[in-house]
Amino acid sequence: MPDKPPPILTAHGRAEAEARAARRAAALRENLRRRKAQARARAAQVAAPEIRAATPAKPGPAEG
């Protein structure tokens, strides 16, 4: 496949590309923040298993 030169962008095209890059960067930061929060929650859950064990199980449906 031959190498193609990058397209020549107009001012509007450059602005759109910069906005797209900014949105992508923001989405990646939010994804990383969410993954870190999930990892902290999992670590806290593993560190305190007695809290889960002390919680009573939900009663099942009444048998009729």
N, C-alpha and C. Protein backbone atom coordinates (compact mmCIF):
# COMPACT_ATOMS: atom_id res chain seq x y z
N MET A 1 0.85 -1.17 0.00
CA MET A 1 0.00 0.00 0.00
C MET A 1 0.90 1.24 0.00
N PRO A 2 0.73 2.10 -0.96
CA PRO A 2 1.60 3.28 -1.02
C PRO A 2 1.26 4.27 0.09
N ASP A 3 2.29 4.96 0.54
CA ASP A 3 2.07 5.98 1.56
C ASP A 3 1.39 7.18 0.93
N LYS A 4 0.35 7.64 1.59
CA LYS A 4 -0.35 8.82 1.09
C LYS A 4 -0.01 9.99 2.00
N PRO A 5 0.16 11.17 1.46
CA PRO A 5 0.41 12.32 2.31
C PRO A 5 -0.85 12.66 3.10
N PRO A 6 -0.70 13.24 4.27
CA PRO A 6 -1.89 13.60 5.04
C PRO A 6 -2.70 14.66 4.30
N PRO A 7 -4.01 14.67 4.49
CA PRO A 7 -4.83 15.65 3.79
C PRO A 7 -4.52 17.06 4.28
N ILE A 8 -4.68 18.01 3.39
CA ILE A 8 -4.48 19.41 3.76
C ILE A 8 -5.81 19.90 4.33
N LEU A 9 -5.79 20.29 5.59
CA LEU A 9 -7.02 20.70 6.26
C LEU A 9 -7.20 22.21 6.21
N THR A 10 -8.44 22.60 6.09
CA THR A 10 -8.76 24.02 6.19
C THR A 10 -8.76 24.39 7.66
N ALA A 11 -8.96 25.66 7.95
CA ALA A 11 -9.01 26.11 9.34
C ALA A 11 -10.15 25.41 10.08
N HIS A 12 -11.27 25.26 9.39
CA HIS A 12 -12.41 24.58 10.01
C HIS A 12 -12.09 23.11 10.25
N GLY A 13 -11.44 22.48 9.30
CA GLY A 13 -11.06 21.08 9.46
C GLY A 13 -10.08 20.88 10.60
N ARG A 14 -9.12 21.80 10.73
CA ARG A 14 -8.17 21.72 11.85
C ARG A 14 -8.90 21.88 13.18
N ALA A 15 -9.85 22.82 13.23
CA ALA A 15 -10.60 23.04 14.47
C ALA A 15 -11.40 21.79 14.82
N GLU A 16 -12.01 21.17 13.82
CA GLU A 16 -12.78 19.94 14.06
C GLU A 16 -11.86 18.82 14.55
N ALA A 17 -10.70 18.69 13.95
CA ALA A 17 -9.75 17.65 14.36
C ALA A 17 -9.28 17.88 15.79
N GLU A 18 -9.02 19.14 16.15
CA GLU A 18 -8.61 19.45 17.52
C GLU A 18 -9.73 19.16 18.50
N ALA A 19 -10.96 19.51 18.13
CA ALA A 19 -12.11 19.24 19.01
C ALA A 19 -12.29 17.73 19.18
N ARG A 20 -12.13 16.98 18.09
CA ARG A 20 -12.26 15.52 18.16
C ARG A 20 -11.19 14.93 19.07
N ALA A 21 -9.96 15.43 18.95
CA ALA A 21 -8.87 14.95 19.80
C ALA A 21 -9.13 15.30 21.26
N ALA A 22 -9.68 16.49 21.51
CA ALA A 22 -9.99 16.88 22.89
C ALA A 22 -11.09 16.00 23.47
N ARG A 23 -12.12 15.69 22.68
CA ARG A 23 -13.19 14.81 23.16
C ARG A 23 -12.66 13.42 23.46
N ARG A 24 -11.79 12.93 22.58
CA ARG A 24 -11.21 11.59 22.80
C ARG A 24 -10.36 11.57 24.06
N ALA A 25 -9.56 12.61 24.27
CA ALA A 25 -8.73 12.68 25.46
C ALA A 25 -9.60 12.74 26.72
N ALA A 26 -10.68 13.51 26.67
CA ALA A 26 -11.58 13.60 27.82
C ALA A 26 -12.23 12.24 28.10
N ALA A 27 -12.62 11.53 27.05
CA ALA A 27 -13.24 10.22 27.23
C ALA A 27 -12.23 9.23 27.82
N LEU A 28 -10.98 9.29 27.37
CA LEU A 28 -9.96 8.40 27.92
C LEU A 28 -9.70 8.72 29.39
N ARG A 29 -9.66 10.01 29.75
CA ARG A 29 -9.46 10.37 31.16
C ARG A 29 -10.62 9.88 32.02
N GLU A 30 -11.85 10.03 31.53
CA GLU A 30 -13.02 9.58 32.28
C GLU A 30 -13.00 8.06 32.43
N ASN A 31 -12.61 7.34 31.39
CA ASN A 31 -12.53 5.89 31.44
C ASN A 31 -11.49 5.45 32.48
N LEU A 32 -10.34 6.13 32.48
CA LEU A 32 -9.30 5.80 33.44
C LEU A 32 -9.78 6.08 34.87
N ARG A 33 -10.48 7.22 35.06
CA ARG A 33 -11.00 7.56 36.39
C ARG A 33 -11.98 6.49 36.86
N ARG A 34 -12.87 6.05 35.96
CA ARG A 34 -13.86 5.03 36.31
C ARG A 34 -13.19 3.70 36.64
N ARG A 35 -12.18 3.31 35.85
CA ARG A 35 -11.48 2.05 36.11
C ARG A 35 -10.75 2.09 37.44
N LYS A 36 -10.15 3.24 37.78
CA LYS A 36 -9.46 3.36 39.06
C LYS A 36 -10.46 3.26 40.21
N ALA A 37 -11.62 3.89 40.06
CA ALA A 37 -12.65 3.82 41.10
C ALA A 37 -13.12 2.38 41.28
N GLN A 38 -13.31 1.65 40.18
CA GLN A 38 -13.73 0.26 40.27
C GLN A 38 -12.66 -0.58 40.95
N ALA A 39 -11.40 -0.33 40.64
CA ALA A 39 -10.30 -1.08 41.26
C ALA A 39 -10.25 -0.80 42.75
N ARG A 40 -10.44 0.47 43.14
CA ARG A 40 -10.46 0.80 44.58
C ARG A 40 -11.62 0.11 45.28
N ALA A 41 -12.79 0.08 44.63
CA ALA A 41 -13.95 -0.57 45.23
C ALA A 41 -13.71 -2.07 45.40
N ARG A 42 -13.11 -2.70 44.37
CA ARG A 42 -12.81 -4.13 44.49
C ARG A 42 -11.80 -4.38 45.60
N ALA A 43 -10.78 -3.54 45.70
CA ALA A 43 -9.77 -3.72 46.74
C ALA A 43 -10.39 -3.55 48.12
N ALA A 44 -11.29 -2.59 48.27
CA ALA A 44 -11.95 -2.38 49.56
C ALA A 44 -12.84 -3.58 49.90
N GLN A 45 -13.48 -4.14 48.90
CA GLN A 45 -14.36 -5.29 49.13
C GLN A 45 -13.54 -6.51 49.54
N VAL A 46 -12.40 -6.70 48.92
CA VAL A 46 -11.54 -7.84 49.27
C VAL A 46 -10.93 -7.63 50.64
N ALA A 47 -10.59 -6.40 50.98
CA ALA A 47 -9.95 -6.11 52.26
C ALA A 47 -10.91 -6.28 53.43
N ALA A 48 -12.20 -6.18 53.19
CA ALA A 48 -13.17 -6.27 54.27
C ALA A 48 -14.23 -7.33 53.97
N PRO A 49 -13.85 -8.61 53.89
CA PRO A 49 -14.85 -9.64 53.57
C PRO A 49 -15.86 -9.86 54.69
N GLU A 50 -15.49 -9.50 55.93
CA GLU A 50 -16.42 -9.71 57.04
C GLU A 50 -17.66 -8.83 56.91
N ILE A 51 -17.55 -7.72 56.23
CA ILE A 51 -18.71 -6.85 56.04
C ILE A 51 -19.73 -7.56 55.17
N ARG A 52 -19.27 -8.22 54.12
CA ARG A 52 -20.20 -8.95 53.24
C ARG A 52 -20.79 -10.14 53.97
N ALA A 53 -20.00 -10.84 54.78
CA ALA A 53 -20.48 -12.03 55.48
C ALA A 53 -21.50 -11.66 56.55
N ALA A 54 -21.37 -10.46 57.13
CA ALA A 54 -22.28 -10.06 58.20
C ALA A 54 -23.64 -9.63 57.65
N THR A 55 -23.73 -9.35 56.38
CA THR A 55 -24.99 -8.92 55.79
C THR A 55 -25.87 -10.15 55.59
N PRO A 56 -27.08 -10.13 56.14
CA PRO A 56 -27.95 -11.30 55.98
C PRO A 56 -28.37 -11.47 54.52
N ALA A 57 -28.56 -12.72 54.15
CA ALA A 57 -29.00 -13.02 52.79
C ALA A 57 -30.44 -12.59 52.62
N LYS A 58 -30.81 -12.24 51.40
CA LYS A 58 -32.19 -11.85 51.14
C LYS A 58 -33.07 -13.10 51.24
N PRO A 59 -34.23 -12.96 51.87
CA PRO A 59 -35.12 -14.12 51.94
C PRO A 59 -35.66 -14.46 50.56
N GLY A 60 -35.84 -15.74 50.32
CA GLY A 60 -36.36 -16.19 49.04
C GLY A 60 -37.86 -15.95 48.95
N PRO A 61 -38.44 -16.17 47.81
CA PRO A 61 -39.89 -16.00 47.68
C PRO A 61 -40.62 -17.05 48.51
N ALA A 62 -41.76 -16.65 49.03
CA ALA A 62 -42.54 -17.57 49.88
C ALA A 62 -43.04 -18.74 49.04
N GLU A 63 -42.86 -19.92 49.58
CA GLU A 63 -43.32 -21.10 48.86
C GLU A 63 -44.79 -21.32 49.19
N GLY A 64 -45.59 -21.56 48.18
CA GLY A 64 -47.01 -21.63 48.42
C GLY A 64 -47.64 -22.84 48.01
